[in-house]
Amino acid sequence: MSNILDELQNARTAAGLTHQMLAQHAGVSRMTVQRTEARKIDPRLSTLLVLARTLGMDLMLVPKSLRPDLEDFVRSGGRFLGQPSGIGAPPSLVDELLQPAAPSKKPVPSKGKQ
């Protein structure tokens, strides 16, 4: 839980938001934000979700058995496990998702008589 709270607090300060500003944007009280960050309350999952979304983040519940593989995947920058690195490596999933979509090539109908 403390990792989540640390990440939320880091995101808030990086965004230059005060407790009051985050509270207003998230629709919660300033005290909720302050007490959550200070670990004076055990926040509801719904509160964590709304704070995260307000800060442009998502929370993801992951089965413990998948966590090590998922952490390795994230640390690798989205490269498949066991994928070779270097120039000959295929692009990562993240690289592919960040590329703009190619324009679709639709046939242009002719205007002539048939």
Protein backbone atom coordinates (compact mmCIF):
# COMPACT_ATOMS: atom_id res chain seq x y z
CA MET A 1 0.00 0.00 0.00
CA SER A 2 2.79 2.44 0.81
CA ASN A 3 4.16 2.15 -2.76
CA ILE A 4 0.80 3.28 -4.11
CA LEU A 5 0.60 6.17 -1.67
CA ASP A 6 4.19 7.20 -2.46
CA GLU A 7 3.46 7.15 -6.20
CA LEU A 8 0.29 9.21 -5.77
CA GLN A 9 2.09 11.78 -3.62
CA ASN A 10 5.00 11.96 -6.09
CA ALA A 11 2.57 12.44 -8.99
CA ARG A 12 0.72 15.19 -7.11
CA THR A 13 3.87 17.12 -6.28
CA ALA A 14 5.28 16.62 -9.80
CA ALA A 15 2.04 18.09 -11.17
CA GLY A 16 2.45 21.09 -8.85
CA LEU A 17 -0.85 20.43 -7.10
CA THR A 18 -1.58 21.21 -3.48
CA HIS A 19 -3.70 18.90 -1.35
CA GLN A 20 -6.60 21.33 -1.85
CA MET A 21 -6.21 21.43 -5.63
CA LEU A 22 -6.08 17.63 -5.96
CA ALA A 23 -9.07 17.31 -3.64
CA GLN A 24 -11.13 19.73 -5.73
CA HIS A 25 -10.26 18.00 -9.01
CA ALA A 26 -10.91 14.54 -7.54
CA GLY A 27 -14.12 15.47 -5.72
CA VAL A 28 -12.85 14.50 -2.28
CA SER A 29 -12.04 16.54 0.79
CA ARG A 30 -8.64 18.14 1.41
CA MET A 31 -8.48 16.18 4.67
CA THR A 32 -8.91 12.92 2.76
CA VAL A 33 -5.91 13.73 0.57
CA GLN A 34 -3.79 14.90 3.51
CA ARG A 35 -4.66 11.99 5.78
CA THR A 36 -4.18 9.47 2.97
CA GLU A 37 -0.70 10.78 2.15
CA ALA A 38 0.19 10.94 5.86
CA ARG A 39 -1.06 7.34 6.25
CA LYS A 40 -3.43 8.42 9.01
CA ILE A 41 -6.31 6.58 7.35
CA ASP A 42 -6.59 3.36 5.42
CA PRO A 43 -8.11 4.71 2.20
CA ARG A 44 -10.85 2.97 0.30
CA LEU A 45 -9.95 1.48 -3.05
CA SER A 46 -12.46 3.86 -4.65
CA THR A 47 -10.58 6.84 -3.16
CA LEU A 48 -7.25 5.55 -4.48
CA LEU A 49 -8.79 5.02 -7.91
CA VAL A 50 -10.22 8.54 -8.12
CA LEU A 51 -6.98 10.13 -6.92
CA ALA A 52 -4.94 8.09 -9.41
CA ARG A 53 -7.24 8.89 -12.33
CA THR A 54 -7.21 12.57 -11.44
CA LEU A 55 -3.41 12.44 -11.63
CA GLY A 56 -3.50 10.67 -15.01
CA MET A 57 -2.69 7.26 -13.58
CA ASP A 58 -4.46 3.91 -13.40
CA LEU A 59 -4.32 1.32 -10.66
CA MET A 60 -4.10 -2.27 -11.77
CA LEU A 61 -4.75 -5.30 -9.61
CA VAL A 62 -2.37 -8.08 -10.64
CA PRO A 63 -2.29 -11.66 -9.37
CA LYS A 64 0.79 -12.19 -7.20
CA SER A 65 1.94 -15.04 -9.40
CA LEU A 66 2.17 -12.68 -12.42
CA ARG A 67 3.76 -9.74 -10.64
CA PRO A 68 7.44 -10.68 -11.18
CA ASP A 69 6.90 -11.20 -14.93
CA LEU A 70 4.91 -7.99 -15.22
CA GLU A 71 7.57 -6.01 -13.36
CA ASP A 72 10.26 -7.46 -15.65
CA PHE A 73 8.17 -6.52 -18.68
CA VAL A 74 7.70 -2.93 -17.47
CA ARG A 75 11.38 -2.56 -16.57
CA SER A 76 12.35 -3.80 -20.03
CA GLY A 77 10.39 -0.99 -21.66
CA GLY A 78 7.69 -3.27 -23.01
CA ARG A 79 9.99 -5.75 -24.69
CA PHE A 80 8.91 -9.36 -24.68
CA LEU A 81 10.66 -11.54 -22.14
CA GLY A 82 13.64 -13.27 -23.66
CA GLN A 83 13.72 -10.88 -26.60
CA PRO A 84 17.24 -9.99 -27.68
CA SER A 85 18.28 -6.39 -27.24
CA GLY A 86 20.17 -4.30 -29.74
CA ILE A 87 19.83 -3.22 -33.33
CA GLY A 88 18.54 -6.58 -34.56
CA ALA A 89 15.75 -6.74 -32.01
CA PRO A 90 12.17 -6.27 -33.16
CA PRO A 91 10.44 -3.10 -31.97
CA SER A 92 8.84 -3.27 -28.55
CA LEU A 93 5.12 -3.27 -28.03
CA VAL A 94 5.44 0.19 -26.48
CA ASP A 95 7.28 1.50 -29.56
CA GLU A 96 4.56 0.13 -31.81
CA LEU A 97 1.79 1.68 -29.73
CA LEU A 98 3.48 5.09 -29.75
CA GLN A 99 3.75 5.22 -33.54
CA PRO A 100 0.98 7.16 -35.28
CA ALA A 101 -1.51 5.04 -37.14
CA ALA A 102 -0.90 4.73 -40.86
CA PRO A 103 -3.58 6.42 -42.99
CA SER A 104 -6.00 3.98 -44.54
CA LYS A 105 -5.76 3.58 -48.30
CA LYS A 106 -9.27 3.52 -49.70
CA PRO A 107 -9.79 3.25 -53.44
CA VAL A 108 -10.90 6.50 -55.03
CA PRO A 109 -14.12 5.98 -57.03
CA SER A 110 -13.87 6.93 -60.67
CA LYS A 111 -16.14 9.67 -62.02
CA GLY A 112 -16.24 8.41 -65.58
CA LYS A 113 -19.11 6.56 -67.34
CA GLN A 114 -19.14 2.81 -67.20
